[in-house]
């Protein structure tokens, strides 16, 4: 049990729930499941206020602080961080799509508070996220002695590109028209930003923010 609990520090227990495994020791190479859910791709960018660039140690410290702020909010809205890649996070929301919007609204406020701390006089924080609802595949890859969990989907490519669009429009997050149709009854203050093309998709996407 202690070994299983320790492994859950590296593999989210929510991942085990999604692939219907009670213990990490029951997971094997090639286990997977396909589900529809909301996926959020967040990029955290730190820009030095001075002429010199931030050191790797400074970026690591800032990123760790940001993740410690984000994690409780993700959990509050029934999500979990599936992957952390460099300064990017892939966050899954298996329940209602509105959870992802509520998370982003609150996370944006809390990250802004962190950036505006009086002790911060050396960096600017840019939080850019893309949100989409679609089919994803969750599973294990690697080899027998080194397994890793992964998310494979066209939706991952879409949200990564939407995060770039959010940065272009200078907003904290944008979401696709698929998301809009699912959450439009939830009384958010929506704004349509326009239409964008996404590499790999034949039809352009309408994009929104709150």
Protein backbone atom coordinates (compact mmCIF):
# COMPACT_ATOMS: atom_id res chain seq x y z
CA UNK A 1 0.00 0.00 0.00
CA UNK A 2 2.84 2.43 0.83
CA UNK A 3 4.40 1.76 -2.59
CA UNK A 4 1.04 2.39 -4.27
CA UNK A 5 0.54 5.64 -2.33
CA UNK A 6 4.06 6.76 -3.23
CA UNK A 7 3.48 6.08 -6.92
CA UNK A 8 0.32 8.20 -6.80
CA UNK A 9 2.63 11.18 -6.20
CA UNK A 10 3.74 10.72 -9.82
CA UNK A 11 0.62 9.27 -11.48
CA UNK A 12 -2.67 11.05 -10.75
CA UNK A 13 -5.21 8.84 -9.00
CA UNK A 14 -7.79 10.38 -11.34
CA UNK A 15 -5.93 8.72 -14.22
CA UNK A 16 -6.34 5.36 -12.51
CA UNK A 17 -10.04 6.05 -12.06
CA UNK A 18 -10.43 6.88 -15.74
CA UNK A 19 -8.80 3.60 -16.86
CA UNK A 20 -10.70 1.75 -14.09
CA UNK A 21 -7.73 0.53 -12.09
CA UNK A 22 -7.89 0.41 -8.28
CA UNK A 23 -4.12 0.31 -7.82
CA UNK A 24 -1.06 1.48 -9.73
CA UNK A 25 0.24 -2.09 -9.42
CA UNK A 26 -2.62 -3.25 -11.65
CA UNK A 27 -1.65 -0.93 -14.51
CA UNK A 28 0.09 -2.50 -17.50
CA UNK A 29 1.52 -1.34 -20.79
CA UNK A 30 -1.19 -0.66 -23.34
CA UNK A 31 -4.03 0.05 -20.91
CA UNK A 32 -6.19 2.82 -22.33
CA UNK A 33 -9.65 4.32 -22.46
CA UNK A 34 -11.39 6.73 -24.82
CA UNK A 35 -13.66 9.40 -23.37
CA UNK A 36 -15.15 12.76 -24.16
CA UNK A 37 -14.17 15.48 -21.74
CA UNK A 38 -12.92 19.04 -21.45
CA UNK A 39 -9.23 19.66 -21.92
CA UNK A 40 -7.33 22.82 -20.99
CA UNK A 41 -3.83 23.67 -22.13
CA UNK A 42 -2.12 26.37 -20.06
CA UNK A 43 1.15 28.13 -20.85
CA UNK A 44 2.84 30.16 -18.11
CA UNK A 45 5.35 32.67 -19.41
CA UNK A 46 7.63 34.77 -17.21
CA UNK A 47 9.23 37.92 -18.59
CA UNK A 48 11.98 39.77 -16.79
CA UNK A 49 11.34 43.44 -16.00
CA UNK A 50 15.05 44.08 -16.29
CA UNK A 51 17.51 43.86 -19.15
CA UNK A 52 18.90 40.54 -17.99
CA UNK A 53 16.87 37.38 -18.56
CA UNK A 54 15.51 35.29 -15.71
CA UNK A 55 17.82 32.49 -14.61
CA UNK A 56 16.71 28.85 -14.79
CA UNK A 57 16.52 28.82 -10.99
CA UNK A 58 14.25 31.88 -10.97
CA UNK A 59 11.96 30.40 -13.63
CA UNK A 60 11.79 27.10 -11.75
CA UNK A 61 10.91 28.89 -8.50
CA UNK A 62 8.20 31.03 -10.16
CA UNK A 63 6.72 28.06 -12.00
CA UNK A 64 6.60 25.99 -8.80
CA UNK A 65 4.81 28.82 -7.01
CA UNK A 66 2.30 29.11 -9.85
CA UNK A 67 1.59 25.37 -9.85
CA UNK A 68 1.06 25.44 -6.07
CA UNK A 69 -1.57 28.17 -6.66
CA UNK A 70 -3.21 26.34 -9.57
CA UNK A 71 -3.51 22.81 -8.12
CA UNK A 72 -6.09 23.54 -5.37
CA UNK A 73 -8.24 25.47 -7.88
CA UNK A 74 -8.06 22.61 -10.38
CA UNK A 75 -9.23 20.19 -7.67
CA UNK A 76 -11.96 22.59 -6.52
CA UNK A 77 -13.51 22.33 -9.98
CA UNK A 78 -13.17 18.54 -10.32
CA UNK A 79 -10.16 18.54 -12.61
CA UNK A 80 -6.64 17.18 -12.49
CA UNK A 81 -3.29 17.99 -14.08
CA UNK A 82 -2.55 15.21 -16.54
CA UNK A 83 0.81 16.49 -17.77
CA UNK A 84 3.39 19.17 -17.04
CA UNK A 85 5.69 19.83 -19.99
CA UNK A 86 8.25 22.61 -19.57
CA UNK A 87 6.07 25.63 -18.63
CA UNK A 88 2.87 24.09 -20.05
CA UNK A 89 0.14 22.19 -18.25
CA UNK A 90 -2.49 19.83 -19.68
CA UNK A 91 -5.51 19.85 -17.37
CA UNK A 92 -8.51 17.52 -17.73
CA UNK A 93 -12.05 18.17 -16.49
CA UNK A 94 -14.04 14.91 -16.71
CA UNK A 95 -17.33 16.34 -15.41
CA UNK A 96 -19.16 19.39 -16.74
CA UNK A 97 -17.39 21.66 -19.26
CA UNK A 98 -18.29 24.71 -17.15
CA UNK A 99 -15.77 23.47 -14.55
CA UNK A 100 -12.95 24.45 -16.91
CA UNK A 101 -14.31 27.98 -17.31
CA UNK A 102 -14.79 28.42 -13.55
CA UNK A 103 -11.25 27.15 -12.98
CA UNK A 104 -9.74 29.57 -15.49
CA UNK A 105 -11.63 32.57 -14.12
CA UNK A 106 -10.45 31.88 -10.57
CA UNK A 107 -6.90 30.85 -11.52
CA UNK A 108 -6.46 34.05 -13.54
CA UNK A 109 -7.42 36.15 -10.51
CA UNK A 110 -5.13 34.27 -8.15
CA UNK A 111 -2.16 34.35 -10.54
CA UNK A 112 -2.65 38.08 -11.01
CA UNK A 113 -2.60 38.52 -7.22
CA UNK A 114 0.65 36.54 -7.08
CA UNK A 115 2.19 38.64 -9.86
CA UNK A 116 1.17 41.87 -8.09
CA UNK A 117 2.76 40.98 -4.76
CA UNK A 118 4.80 43.88 -3.43
CA UNK A 119 7.80 41.57 -3.20
CA UNK A 120 7.74 41.02 -6.97
CA UNK A 121 9.84 43.62 -8.73
CA UNK A 122 11.56 41.48 -11.33
CA UNK A 123 9.08 39.57 -13.55
CA UNK A 124 5.80 39.83 -15.46
CA UNK A 125 3.59 36.74 -15.59
CA UNK A 126 1.55 35.84 -18.68
CA UNK A 127 -1.05 33.11 -18.30
CA UNK A 128 -2.48 31.86 -21.63
CA UNK A 129 -4.93 28.96 -21.88
CA UNK A 130 -6.94 27.19 -24.56
CA UNK A 131 -10.04 25.12 -23.75
CA UNK A 132 -11.88 22.58 -25.90
CA UNK A 133 -14.32 19.70 -25.48
CA UNK A 134 -13.70 16.53 -27.44
CA UNK A 135 -12.66 12.90 -27.64
CA UNK A 136 -9.40 11.95 -25.94
CA UNK A 137 -7.47 8.75 -25.41
CA UNK A 138 -5.90 8.18 -21.99
CA UNK A 139 -3.44 5.36 -21.66
CA UNK A 140 -0.01 4.03 -20.83
CA UNK A 141 3.04 4.11 -23.11
CA UNK A 142 6.70 3.17 -22.75
CA UNK A 143 8.04 -0.28 -21.99
CA UNK A 144 7.47 -2.81 -19.24
CA UNK A 145 10.08 -1.36 -16.87
CA UNK A 146 9.25 2.29 -17.55
CA UNK A 147 5.58 3.16 -18.00
CA UNK A 148 4.19 6.64 -18.44
CA UNK A 149 0.64 7.94 -18.65
CA UNK A 150 -0.31 10.01 -21.66
CA UNK A 151 -3.12 11.91 -23.36
CA UNK A 152 -3.45 11.43 -27.11
CA UNK A 153 -5.99 13.38 -29.09
CA UNK A 154 -6.54 15.94 -31.80
CA UNK A 155 -8.02 17.97 -28.93
CA UNK A 156 -4.53 18.35 -27.41
CA UNK A 157 -3.31 19.99 -30.61
CA UNK A 158 -6.39 22.24 -30.70
CA UNK A 159 -6.01 23.51 -27.13
CA UNK A 160 -2.27 24.06 -27.52
CA UNK A 161 -2.95 26.26 -30.54
CA UNK A 162 -5.84 28.01 -28.77
CA UNK A 163 -3.43 28.90 -25.95
CA UNK A 164 -1.27 30.61 -28.57
CA UNK A 165 -4.37 32.44 -29.84
CA UNK A 166 -5.10 33.63 -26.28
CA UNK A 167 -1.62 35.14 -26.13
CA UNK A 168 -2.16 36.82 -29.50
CA UNK A 169 -5.43 38.40 -28.30
CA UNK A 170 -3.84 39.27 -24.93
CA UNK A 171 -6.52 37.44 -22.92
CA UNK A 172 -6.04 34.82 -20.21
CA UNK A 173 -8.00 32.09 -21.99
CA UNK A 174 -10.04 31.31 -25.07
CA UNK A 175 -12.37 28.43 -25.82
CA UNK A 176 -13.82 26.83 -28.92
CA UNK A 177 -17.34 26.98 -30.31
CA UNK A 178 -17.85 23.36 -29.18
CA UNK A 179 -17.32 24.59 -25.62
CA UNK A 180 -19.56 27.61 -26.14
CA UNK A 181 -22.55 25.49 -27.17
CA UNK A 182 -22.14 23.32 -24.06
CA UNK A 183 -21.86 26.15 -21.52
CA UNK A 184 -23.89 29.01 -23.02
CA UNK A 185 -26.72 28.38 -20.51
CA UNK A 186 -24.37 28.89 -17.55
CA UNK A 187 -24.66 32.69 -17.41
CA UNK A 188 -21.01 33.48 -18.04
CA UNK A 189 -20.20 36.89 -19.51
CA UNK A 190 -19.13 35.72 -22.98
CA UNK A 191 -17.27 37.64 -25.66
CA UNK A 192 -16.72 36.31 -29.17
CA UNK A 193 -13.20 37.21 -30.28
CA UNK A 194 -13.52 36.14 -33.88
CA UNK A 195 -12.70 33.16 -36.08
CA UNK A 196 -9.36 31.40 -36.30
CA UNK A 197 -7.93 28.54 -38.33
CA UNK A 198 -6.29 25.63 -36.55
CA UNK A 199 -3.66 23.55 -38.30
CA UNK A 200 -5.07 20.08 -38.91
CA UNK A 201 -8.72 21.17 -38.92
CA UNK A 202 -10.47 21.84 -42.20
CA UNK A 203 -13.08 24.19 -40.74
CA UNK A 204 -12.25 27.45 -38.92
CA UNK A 205 -13.20 27.78 -35.24
CA UNK A 206 -15.15 30.56 -33.60
CA UNK A 207 -13.33 31.53 -30.41
CA UNK A 208 -14.68 33.03 -27.21
CA UNK A 209 -13.50 34.29 -23.83
CA UNK A 210 -15.14 35.41 -20.58
